Amino acid sequence: MQDRQTAAPDSTAVRVALWRAMHVQVDAPPHVLDDEIGLRLAAPGDGWRSRPDMDAQGTRGYRAAIVARARFIEDLVAQQAARGVTQYVILGAGLDTFAQRKPEIASHLSVFEVDRPGAQAWKRARLRELGYGVPAWLRLVPVDFEAGQSWWERLVDAGFDSSVPAVIASTGVSMYLTREANLATLRQSTKLAPGSTLAMTFLLPTELVDPLERAPYQAVQEQARASGTPFVSLFSPDAMLALAREAGFGNVRHVCTDELAQRYFAGRSDGLRPATGEAFLIAST
């Protein structure tokens, strides 16, 4: 059994990293995101492409959705950095590799990666083993959620300045939280300085997913339940926007799959496009 303080990232974080690498290895260019560093971090072994969840054809839509959401956030960070924002927070960072792939942007920011203590210790060690290191502008912030630690307090302890604007990103997290827990995260985020932006993904109720994609979408939910990490919260866009307003945000919008497809996949000869089911909440202070 792994020590809780040095535990490797969970299977979902590894799967996301491998799908990002698969996009580079099996999908035709142009690539929406060029990321094989997560694969190097995960080091899954030579046979990883033979895993059932790495089937090149069967995972096309989900793979595209993963790279689309990552690219969308990175474009947002670059845009906000260009207008003077100097802090970037990644909640549930997993095997995010923005700091390693985009040092020309990241090195001019304070980048805070928030995750479980064990996963953070593991990632710190792997970054050093691979020669990337952990530069001063990259803060790996361990938060023991099971012990009731506050991510906001730990963030401030790590040097986050709540008096200046920031971008906060949270992807692939909201579905595991109750409505009340999501509301608490949103309320905490309203304390960000004016000029800040929150980008958070959420999953749609099954009836709002493309009919041709509902069966695999339901299968994913069943797999999550069977693995002990069931999806707790699904939101319609209107419900998520209402939740953000209830939390105190005045400026909110949602970004749907079609918008991401048009932005990053238009004109592709291979027909690759993200699966429906996930959307973004964009809220600003």
C-alpha atoms as a PDB file:
ATOM      1  CA  MET A   1       0.000   0.000   0.000  1.00  0.00           C
ATOM      2  CA  GLN A   2       1.299   3.461  -0.886  1.00  0.00           C
ATOM      3  CA  ASP A   3       2.115   5.933   1.862  1.00  0.00           C
ATOM      4  CA  ARG A   4      -0.686   8.492   1.957  1.00  0.00           C
ATOM      5  CA  GLN A   5       1.907  11.264   1.975  1.00  0.00           C
ATOM      6  CA  THR A   6       3.621  10.096  -1.238  1.00  0.00           C
ATOM      7  CA  ALA A   7       0.729   8.506  -3.102  1.00  0.00           C
ATOM      8  CA  ALA A   8       0.719   8.702  -6.882  1.00  0.00           C
ATOM      9  CA  PRO A   9      -2.049  10.697  -8.585  1.00  0.00           C
ATOM     10  CA  ASP A  10      -5.429   9.045  -8.914  1.00  0.00           C
ATOM     11  CA  SER A  11      -6.431   7.066 -11.985  1.00  0.00           C
ATOM     12  CA  THR A  12      -8.513   9.908 -13.414  1.00  0.00           C
ATOM     13  CA  ALA A  13      -5.549  12.303 -13.403  1.00  0.00           C
ATOM     14  CA  VAL A  14      -3.367   9.698 -15.112  1.00  0.00           C
ATOM     15  CA  ARG A  15      -6.060   8.945 -17.718  1.00  0.00           C
ATOM     16  CA  VAL A  16      -6.322  12.646 -18.586  1.00  0.00           C
ATOM     17  CA  ALA A  17      -2.542  12.874 -19.014  1.00  0.00           C
ATOM     18  CA  LEU A  18      -2.474   9.810 -21.257  1.00  0.00           C
ATOM     19  CA  TRP A  19      -5.339  11.058 -23.421  1.00  0.00           C
ATOM     20  CA  ARG A  20      -3.488  14.332 -23.917  1.00  0.00           C
ATOM     21  CA  ALA A  21      -0.460  12.381 -25.109  1.00  0.00           C
ATOM     22  CA  MET A  22      -2.630  10.189 -27.333  1.00  0.00           C
ATOM     23  CA  HIS A  23      -3.936  13.292 -29.084  1.00  0.00           C
ATOM     24  CA  VAL A  24      -0.380  14.012 -30.210  1.00  0.00           C
ATOM     25  CA  GLN A  25       0.390  10.408 -31.091  1.00  0.00           C
ATOM     26  CA  VAL A  26      -2.738   9.246 -32.919  1.00  0.00           C
ATOM     27  CA  ASP A  27      -4.696  12.315 -34.063  1.00  0.00           C
ATOM     28  CA  ALA A  28      -3.760  14.186 -37.219  1.00  0.00           C
ATOM     29  CA  PRO A  29      -2.241  17.653 -36.944  1.00  0.00           C
ATOM     30  CA  PRO A  30      -2.892  20.419 -36.254  1.00  0.00           C
ATOM     31  CA  HIS A  31      -2.911  19.415 -32.598  1.00  0.00           C
ATOM     32  CA  VAL A  32      -5.095  21.424 -30.269  1.00  0.00           C
ATOM     33  CA  LEU A  33      -2.631  20.791 -27.443  1.00  0.00           C
ATOM     34  CA  ASP A  34       0.897  19.396 -27.626  1.00  0.00           C
ATOM     35  CA  ASP A  35       1.436  17.612 -24.329  1.00  0.00           C
ATOM     36  CA  GLU A  36       3.481  14.463 -23.850  1.00  0.00           C
ATOM     37  CA  ILE A  37       5.066  15.695 -20.626  1.00  0.00           C
ATOM     38  CA  GLY A  38       2.156  14.326 -18.595  1.00  0.00           C
ATOM     39  CA  LEU A  39       2.898  10.927 -20.143  1.00  0.00           C
ATOM     40  CA  ARG A  40       6.514  11.212 -18.994  1.00  0.00           C
ATOM     41  CA  LEU A  41       5.373  12.106 -15.491  1.00  0.00           C
ATOM     42  CA  ALA A  42       2.923   9.203 -15.309  1.00  0.00           C
ATOM     43  CA  ALA A  43       5.414   6.693 -16.781  1.00  0.00           C
ATOM     44  CA  PRO A  44       2.681   4.071 -17.360  1.00  0.00           C
ATOM     45  CA  GLY A  45       4.935   1.477 -19.012  1.00  0.00           C
ATOM     46  CA  ASP A  46       5.280   0.268 -22.591  1.00  0.00           C
ATOM     47  CA  GLY A  47       1.845  -1.330 -22.823  1.00  0.00           C
ATOM     48  CA  TRP A  48      -0.246   1.686 -21.850  1.00  0.00           C
ATOM     49  CA  ARG A  49      -1.760   2.107 -25.316  1.00  0.00           C
ATOM     50  CA  SER A  50      -3.313  -1.369 -24.945  1.00  0.00           C
ATOM     51  CA  ARG A  51      -5.411  -0.362 -21.938  1.00  0.00           C
ATOM     52  CA  PRO A  52      -9.197  -0.569 -22.590  1.00  0.00           C
ATOM     53  CA  ASP A  53      -9.587   3.117 -21.717  1.00  0.00           C
ATOM     54  CA  MET A  54      -6.954   4.045 -24.300  1.00  0.00           C
ATOM     55  CA  ASP A  55      -8.766   2.635 -27.329  1.00  0.00           C
ATOM     56  CA  ALA A  56      -7.901   5.147 -30.040  1.00  0.00           C
ATOM     57  CA  GLN A  57     -11.275   5.098 -31.782  1.00  0.00           C
ATOM     58  CA  GLY A  58     -13.514   4.642 -28.755  1.00  0.00           C
ATOM     59  CA  THR A  59     -12.014   7.558 -26.831  1.00  0.00           C
ATOM     60  CA  ARG A  60     -11.863  10.101 -29.678  1.00  0.00           C
ATOM     61  CA  GLY A  61     -14.604  12.376 -28.392  1.00  0.00           C
ATOM     62  CA  TYR A  62     -13.458  12.334 -24.773  1.00  0.00           C
ATOM     63  CA  ARG A  63      -9.835  12.816 -25.814  1.00  0.00           C
ATOM     64  CA  ALA A  64     -10.845  15.833 -27.870  1.00  0.00           C
ATOM     65  CA  ALA A  65     -12.862  17.239 -24.964  1.00  0.00           C
ATOM     66  CA  ILE A  66      -9.870  16.931 -22.633  1.00  0.00           C
ATOM     67  CA  VAL A  67      -7.492  18.790 -24.943  1.00  0.00           C
ATOM     68  CA  ALA A  68     -10.134  21.391 -25.803  1.00  0.00           C
ATOM     69  CA  ARG A  69     -10.751  22.332 -22.180  1.00  0.00           C
ATOM     70  CA  ALA A  70      -7.011  22.507 -21.465  1.00  0.00           C
ATOM     71  CA  ARG A  71      -6.391  24.701 -24.503  1.00  0.00           C
ATOM     72  CA  PHE A  72      -9.331  26.948 -23.630  1.00  0.00           C
ATOM     73  CA  ILE A  73      -7.964  27.596 -20.141  1.00  0.00           C
ATOM     74  CA  GLU A  74      -4.433  28.171 -21.381  1.00  0.00           C
ATOM     75  CA  ASP A  75      -5.688  30.680 -23.935  1.00  0.00           C
ATOM     76  CA  LEU A  76      -7.624  32.398 -21.142  1.00  0.00           C
ATOM     77  CA  VAL A  77      -4.532  32.527 -18.922  1.00  0.00           C
ATOM     78  CA  ALA A  78      -2.416  33.941 -21.761  1.00  0.00           C
ATOM     79  CA  GLN A  79      -5.082  36.551 -22.492  1.00  0.00           C
ATOM     80  CA  GLN A  80      -5.362  37.599 -18.854  1.00  0.00           C
ATOM     81  CA  ALA A  81      -1.578  37.626 -18.396  1.00  0.00           C
ATOM     82  CA  ALA A  82      -1.319  39.976 -21.377  1.00  0.00           C
ATOM     83  CA  ARG A  83      -3.583  42.432 -19.569  1.00  0.00           C
ATOM     84  CA  GLY A  84      -1.526  42.282 -16.385  1.00  0.00           C
ATOM     85  CA  VAL A  85      -2.910  39.409 -14.294  1.00  0.00           C
ATOM     86  CA  THR A  86      -0.006  37.788 -12.436  1.00  0.00           C
ATOM     87  CA  GLN A  87      -1.520  34.838 -10.536  1.00  0.00           C
ATOM     88  CA  TYR A  88      -2.861  31.523 -11.816  1.00  0.00           C
ATOM     89  CA  VAL A  89      -4.432  28.910  -9.543  1.00  0.00           C
ATOM     90  CA  ILE A  90      -5.204  25.340 -10.627  1.00  0.00           C
ATOM     91  CA  LEU A  91      -7.585  23.514  -8.290  1.00  0.00           C
ATOM     92  CA  GLY A  92      -7.211  19.733  -8.501  1.00  0.00           C
ATOM     93  CA  ALA A  93      -4.051  20.143 -10.576  1.00  0.00           C
ATOM     94  CA  GLY A  94      -3.321  16.452 -11.119  1.00  0.00           C
ATOM     95  CA  LEU A  95      -0.714  16.065 -13.871  1.00  0.00           C
ATOM     96  CA  ASP A  96      -1.166  19.545 -15.306  1.00  0.00           C
ATOM     97  CA  THR A  97       1.932  20.543 -17.282  1.00  0.00           C
ATOM     98  CA  PHE A  98       1.289  24.191 -18.181  1.00  0.00           C
ATOM     99  CA  ALA A  99       4.303  25.312 -16.138  1.00  0.00           C
ATOM    100  CA  GLN A 100       6.621  22.916 -17.985  1.00  0.00           C
ATOM    101  CA  ARG A 101       5.217  23.450 -21.500  1.00  0.00           C
ATOM    102  CA  LYS A 102       4.652  27.208 -21.400  1.00  0.00           C
ATOM    103  CA  PRO A 103       7.484  28.653 -19.279  1.00  0.00           C
ATOM    104  CA  GLU A 104       7.536  31.790 -21.430  1.00  0.00           C
ATOM    105  CA  ILE A 105       4.129  32.650 -19.930  1.00  0.00           C
ATOM    106  CA  ALA A 106       4.229  30.782 -16.620  1.00  0.00           C
ATOM    107  CA  SER A 107       7.546  32.247 -15.475  1.00  0.00           C
ATOM    108  CA  HIS A 108       5.966  35.703 -15.460  1.00  0.00           C
ATOM    109  CA  LEU A 109       3.186  34.482 -13.181  1.00  0.00           C
ATOM    110  CA  SER A 110       2.843  32.983  -9.736  1.00  0.00           C
ATOM    111  CA  VAL A 111       1.392  29.561 -10.554  1.00  0.00           C
ATOM    112  CA  PHE A 112      -0.317  27.709  -7.698  1.00  0.00           C
ATOM    113  CA  GLU A 113      -1.173  24.038  -8.184  1.00  0.00           C
ATOM    114  CA  VAL A 114      -3.580  22.780  -5.500  1.00  0.00           C
ATOM    115  CA  ASP A 115      -3.969  19.051  -4.874  1.00  0.00           C
ATOM    116  CA  ARG A 116      -3.792  16.326  -2.217  1.00  0.00           C
ATOM    117  CA  PRO A 117      -0.575  16.194  -0.153  1.00  0.00           C
ATOM    118  CA  GLY A 118       0.445  12.747  -1.379  1.00  0.00           C
ATOM    119  CA  ALA A 119      -0.079  13.616  -5.030  1.00  0.00           C
ATOM    120  CA  GLN A 120       1.862  16.861  -4.617  1.00  0.00           C
ATOM    121  CA  ALA A 121       4.807  15.109  -2.977  1.00  0.00           C
ATOM    122  CA  TRP A 122       4.821  12.532  -5.782  1.00  0.00           C
ATOM    123  CA  LYS A 123       4.686  15.204  -8.487  1.00  0.00           C
ATOM    124  CA  ARG A 124       7.443  17.269  -6.887  1.00  0.00           C
ATOM    125  CA  ALA A 125       9.688  14.202  -6.874  1.00  0.00           C
ATOM    126  CA  ARG A 126       8.860  13.312 -10.498  1.00  0.00           C
ATOM    127  CA  LEU A 127       9.516  16.871 -11.718  1.00  0.00           C
ATOM    128  CA  ARG A 128      12.939  16.730 -10.126  1.00  0.00           C
ATOM    129  CA  GLU A 129      13.665  13.244 -11.484  1.00  0.00           C
ATOM    130  CA  LEU A 130      12.834  14.402 -15.021  1.00  0.00           C
ATOM    131  CA  GLY A 131      14.970  17.530 -14.727  1.00  0.00           C
ATOM    132  CA  TYR A 132      12.187  20.111 -14.711  1.00  0.00           C
ATOM    133  CA  GLY A 133      12.516  20.995 -11.042  1.00  0.00           C
ATOM    134  CA  VAL A 134      10.122  23.291  -9.189  1.00  0.00           C
ATOM    135  CA  PRO A 135      11.042  26.928  -9.905  1.00  0.00           C
ATOM    136  CA  ALA A 136      10.247  29.648  -7.382  1.00  0.00           C
ATOM    137  CA  TRP A 137       7.261  30.870  -9.384  1.00  0.00           C
ATOM    138  CA  LEU A 138       5.598  27.417  -9.254  1.00  0.00           C
ATOM    139  CA  ARG A 139       3.961  26.619  -5.913  1.00  0.00           C
ATOM    140  CA  LEU A 140       2.712  23.072  -5.304  1.00  0.00           C
ATOM    141  CA  VAL A 141       0.071  23.625  -2.618  1.00  0.00           C
ATOM    142  CA  PRO A 142      -0.924  20.516  -0.626  1.00  0.00           C
ATOM    143  CA  VAL A 143      -4.432  20.533   0.812  1.00  0.00           C
ATOM    144  CA  ASP A 144      -5.729  17.667   2.950  1.00  0.00           C
ATOM    145  CA  PHE A 145      -9.417  17.899   2.067  1.00  0.00           C
ATOM    146  CA  GLU A 146     -10.180  14.770   4.087  1.00  0.00           C
ATOM    147  CA  ALA A 147      -8.897  16.532   7.204  1.00  0.00           C
ATOM    148  CA  GLY A 148     -11.071  19.551   6.477  1.00  0.00           C
ATOM    149  CA  GLN A 149      -8.286  21.901   5.408  1.00  0.00           C
ATOM    150  CA  SER A 150      -9.346  25.062   3.570  1.00  0.00           C
ATOM    151  CA  TRP A 151      -7.849  25.370   0.081  1.00  0.00           C
ATOM    152  CA  TRP A 152      -8.152  29.147   0.343  1.00  0.00           C
ATOM    153  CA  GLU A 153      -6.173  29.314   3.594  1.00  0.00           C
ATOM    154  CA  ARG A 154      -3.496  26.983   2.244  1.00  0.00           C
ATOM    155  CA  LEU A 155      -3.323  29.079  -0.922  1.00  0.00           C
ATOM    156  CA  VAL A 156      -2.741  32.268   1.063  1.00  0.00           C
ATOM    157  CA  ASP A 157      -0.154  30.469   3.206  1.00  0.00           C
ATOM    158  CA  ALA A 158       1.673  29.577  -0.028  1.00  0.00           C
ATOM    159  CA  GLY A 159       1.950  33.240  -1.006  1.00  0.00           C
ATOM    160  CA  PHE A 160      -1.266  33.903  -2.922  1.00  0.00           C
ATOM    161  CA  ASP A 161      -2.173  37.597  -2.767  1.00  0.00           C
ATOM    162  CA  SER A 162      -5.947  37.987  -2.577  1.00  0.00           C
ATOM    163  CA  SER A 163      -5.651  41.725  -3.169  1.00  0.00           C
ATOM    164  CA  VAL A 164      -4.519  41.388  -6.790  1.00  0.00           C
ATOM    165  CA  PRO A 165      -6.328  39.700  -9.727  1.00  0.00           C
ATOM    166  CA  ALA A 166      -5.959  36.028 -10.573  1.00  0.00           C
ATOM    167  CA  VAL A 167      -7.254  33.292 -12.841  1.00  0.00           C
ATOM    168  CA  ILE A 168      -8.597  30.220 -11.036  1.00  0.00           C
ATOM    169  CA  ALA A 169      -9.226  27.044 -13.018  1.00  0.00           C
ATOM    170  CA  SER A 170     -11.120  23.988 -11.828  1.00  0.00           C
ATOM    171  CA  THR A 171     -11.665  21.196 -14.347  1.00  0.00           C
ATOM    172  CA  GLY A 172     -13.118  17.747 -13.787  1.00  0.00           C
ATOM    173  CA  VAL A 173     -13.955  18.438 -10.138  1.00  0.00           C
ATOM    174  CA  SER A 174     -17.486  19.818  -9.780  1.00  0.00           C
ATOM    175  CA  MET A 175     -19.259  16.537 -10.561  1.00  0.00           C
ATOM    176  CA  TYR A 176     -17.692  14.876  -7.514  1.00  0.00           C
ATOM    177  CA  LEU A 177     -18.966  17.590  -5.152  1.00  0.00           C
ATOM    178  CA  THR A 178     -22.412  18.231  -3.735  1.00  0.00           C
ATOM    179  CA  ARG A 179     -24.337  21.319  -4.777  1.00  0.00           C
ATOM    180  CA  GLU A 180     -23.492  22.831  -1.383  1.00  0.00           C
ATOM    181  CA  ALA A 181     -19.773  22.139  -1.788  1.00  0.00           C
ATOM    182  CA  ASN A 182     -19.771  23.660  -5.273  1.00  0.00           C
ATOM    183  CA  LEU A 183     -21.598  26.692  -3.899  1.00  0.00           C
ATOM    184  CA  ALA A 184     -18.987  27.026  -1.147  1.00  0.00           C
ATOM    185  CA  THR A 185     -16.171  26.976  -3.718  1.00  0.00           C
ATOM    186  CA  LEU A 186     -17.950  29.616  -5.774  1.00  0.00           C
ATOM    187  CA  ARG A 187     -18.567  31.796  -2.724  1.00  0.00           C
ATOM    188  CA  GLN A 188     -14.911  31.554  -1.764  1.00  0.00           C
ATOM    189  CA  SER A 189     -13.954  32.553  -5.291  1.00  0.00           C
ATOM    190  CA  THR A 190     -16.033  35.733  -5.096  1.00  0.00           C
ATOM    191  CA  LYS A 191     -13.371  36.967  -2.638  1.00  0.00           C
ATOM    192  CA  LEU A 192     -10.937  37.260  -5.530  1.00  0.00           C
ATOM    193  CA  ALA A 193      -9.762  40.774  -6.316  1.00  0.00           C
ATOM    194  CA  PRO A 194     -11.665  42.746  -8.982  1.00  0.00           C
ATOM    195  CA  GLY A 195     -10.505  41.749 -12.441  1.00  0.00           C
ATOM    196  CA  SER A 196     -10.198  38.052 -11.561  1.00  0.00           C
ATOM    197  CA  THR A 197     -11.671  35.142 -13.530  1.00  0.00           C
ATOM    198  CA  LEU A 198     -12.908  31.702 -12.485  1.00  0.00           C
ATOM    199  CA  ALA A 199     -13.120  28.972 -15.155  1.00  0.00           C
ATOM    200  CA  MET A 200     -14.868  25.835 -13.932  1.00  0.00           C
ATOM    201  CA  THR A 201     -16.129  22.820 -15.842  1.00  0.00           C
ATOM    202  CA  PHE A 202     -19.383  21.060 -15.034  1.00  0.00           C
ATOM    203  CA  LEU A 203     -21.182  18.021 -16.410  1.00  0.00           C
ATOM    204  CA  LEU A 204     -24.635  18.167 -17.976  1.00  0.00           C
ATOM    205  CA  PRO A 205     -27.648  16.012 -17.109  1.00  0.00           C
ATOM    206  CA  THR A 206     -27.886  13.061 -19.502  1.00  0.00           C
ATOM    207  CA  GLU A 207     -30.966  14.436 -21.264  1.00  0.00           C
ATOM    208  CA  LEU A 208     -28.955  17.475 -22.438  1.00  0.00           C
ATOM    209  CA  VAL A 209     -26.248  15.353 -24.051  1.00  0.00           C
ATOM    210  CA  ASP A 210     -26.327  14.616 -27.782  1.00  0.00           C
ATOM    211  CA  PRO A 211     -28.654  11.584 -28.195  1.00  0.00           C
ATOM    212  CA  LEU A 212     -25.966   9.676 -30.101  1.00  0.00           C
ATOM    213  CA  GLU A 213     -23.587  10.090 -27.157  1.00  0.00           C
ATOM    214  CA  ARG A 214     -25.921   9.305 -24.275  1.00  0.00           C
ATOM    215  CA  ALA A 215     -25.123   5.601 -24.020  1.00  0.00           C
ATOM    216  CA  PRO A 216     -21.355   6.073 -23.571  1.00  0.00           C
ATOM    217  CA  TYR A 217     -22.034   9.058 -21.306  1.00  0.00           C
ATOM    218  CA  GLN A 218     -24.161   6.880 -19.052  1.00  0.00           C
ATOM    219  CA  ALA A 219     -21.509   4.167 -19.196  1.00  0.00           C
ATOM    220  CA  VAL A 220     -18.918   6.635 -17.898  1.00  0.00           C
ATOM    221  CA  GLN A 221     -21.227   7.480 -14.999  1.00  0.00           C
ATOM    222  CA  GLU A 222     -21.651   3.789 -14.216  1.00  0.00           C
ATOM    223  CA  GLN A 223     -17.893   3.247 -14.306  1.00  0.00           C
ATOM    224  CA  ALA A 224     -17.369   6.169 -11.931  1.00  0.00           C
ATOM    225  CA  ARG A 225     -19.954   4.741  -9.535  1.00  0.00           C
ATOM    226  CA  ALA A 226     -18.416   1.274  -9.688  1.00  0.00           C
ATOM    227  CA  SER A 227     -14.950   2.661  -8.938  1.00  0.00           C
ATOM    228  CA  GLY A 228     -16.204   4.403  -5.803  1.00  0.00           C
ATOM    229  CA  THR A 229     -16.111   7.940  -7.209  1.00  0.00           C
ATOM    230  CA  PRO A 230     -19.704   8.556  -8.314  1.00  0.00           C
ATOM    231  CA  PHE A 231     -20.802  11.737 -10.034  1.00  0.00           C
ATOM    232  CA  VAL A 232     -22.731  13.650  -7.377  1.00  0.00           C
ATOM    233  CA  SER A 233     -23.700  16.834  -9.208  1.00  0.00           C
ATOM    234  CA  LEU A 234     -24.827  17.424 -12.785  1.00  0.00           C
ATOM    235  CA  PHE A 235     -25.992  20.896 -13.816  1.00  0.00           C
ATOM    236  CA  SER A 236     -27.842  22.401 -16.731  1.00  0.00           C
ATOM    237  CA  PRO A 237     -26.185  25.622 -17.946  1.00  0.00           C
ATOM    238  CA  ASP A 238     -29.026  27.688 -16.462  1.00  0.00           C
ATOM    239  CA  ALA A 239     -28.695  25.912 -13.116  1.00  0.00           C
ATOM    240  CA  MET A 240     -24.934  26.481 -12.996  1.00  0.00           C
ATOM    241  CA  LEU A 241     -25.274  30.151 -13.909  1.00  0.00           C
ATOM    242  CA  ALA A 242     -27.924  30.517 -11.201  1.00  0.00           C
ATOM    243  CA  LEU A 243     -25.593  28.855  -8.672  1.00  0.00           C
ATOM    244  CA  ALA A 244     -22.808  31.273  -9.543  1.00  0.00           C
ATOM    245  CA  ARG A 245     -25.143  34.230  -9.122  1.00  0.00           C
ATOM    246  CA  GLU A 246     -26.343  32.812  -5.802  1.00  0.00           C
ATOM    247  CA  ALA A 247     -22.701  32.673  -4.716  1.00  0.00           C
ATOM    248  CA  GLY A 248     -22.342  36.372  -5.472  1.00  0.00           C
ATOM    249  CA  PHE A 249     -20.935  36.580  -8.989  1.00  0.00           C
ATOM    250  CA  GLY A 250     -22.539  39.230 -11.158  1.00  0.00           C
ATOM    251  CA  ASN A 251     -20.719  38.582 -14.427  1.00  0.00           C
ATOM    252  CA  VAL A 252     -21.238  34.969 -15.520  1.00  0.00           C
ATOM    253  CA  ARG A 253     -21.487  33.051 -18.787  1.00  0.00           C
ATOM    254  CA  HIS A 254     -21.263  29.494 -19.996  1.00  0.00           C
ATOM    255  CA  VAL A 255     -19.171  28.040 -22.813  1.00  0.00           C
ATOM    256  CA  CYS A 256     -20.645  24.995 -24.534  1.00  0.00           C
ATOM    257  CA  THR A 257     -19.088  22.158 -26.519  1.00  0.00           C
ATOM    258  CA  ASP A 258     -20.148  23.676 -29.830  1.00  0.00           C
ATOM    259  CA  GLU A 259     -18.206  26.857 -29.046  1.00  0.00           C
ATOM    260  CA  LEU A 260     -15.070  24.872 -28.247  1.00  0.00           C
ATOM    261  CA  ALA A 261     -15.532  22.749 -31.367  1.00  0.00           C
ATOM    262  CA  GLN A 262     -15.860  25.823 -33.551  1.00  0.00           C
ATOM    263  CA  ARG A 263     -12.837  27.457 -31.964  1.00  0.00           C
ATOM    264  CA  TYR A 264     -10.422  24.508 -32.032  1.00  0.00           C
ATOM    265  CA  PHE A 265     -11.718  21.825 -34.411  1.00  0.00           C
ATOM    266  CA  ALA A 266     -13.307  23.650 -37.339  1.00  0.00           C
ATOM    267  CA  GLY A 267     -12.178  22.480 -40.770  1.00  0.00           C
ATOM    268  CA  ARG A 268     -10.458  19.300 -39.622  1.00  0.00           C
ATOM    269  CA  SER A 269     -10.329  16.590 -42.259  1.00  0.00           C
ATOM    270  CA  ASP A 270     -10.607  13.773 -39.690  1.00  0.00           C
ATOM    271  CA  GLY A 271     -13.880  14.973 -38.154  1.00  0.00           C
ATOM    272  CA  LEU A 272     -12.394  15.035 -34.642  1.00  0.00           C
ATOM    273  CA  ARG A 273     -14.506  17.044 -32.217  1.00  0.00           C
ATOM    274  CA  PRO A 274     -15.149  16.992 -28.464  1.00  0.00           C
ATOM    275  CA  ALA A 275     -17.908  14.864 -27.006  1.00  0.00           C
ATOM    276  CA  THR A 276     -20.829  16.725 -25.505  1.00  0.00           C
ATOM    277  CA  GLY A 277     -21.524  16.465 -21.787  1.00  0.00           C
ATOM    278  CA  GLU A 278     -19.111  18.985 -20.303  1.00  0.00           C
ATOM    279  CA  ALA A 279     -19.372  22.774 -20.315  1.00  0.00           C
ATOM    280  CA  PHE A 280     -17.576  25.743 -18.753  1.00  0.00           C
ATOM    281  CA  LEU A 281     -18.737  28.311 -16.274  1.00  0.00           C
ATOM    282  CA  ILE A 282     -16.805  31.562 -16.671  1.00  0.00           C
ATOM    283  CA  ALA A 283     -17.322  34.000 -13.793  1.00  0.00           C
ATOM    284  CA  SER A 284     -15.470  37.252 -13.178  1.00  0.00           C
ATOM    285  CA  THR A 285     -15.221  39.693 -10.326  1.00  0.00           C
END
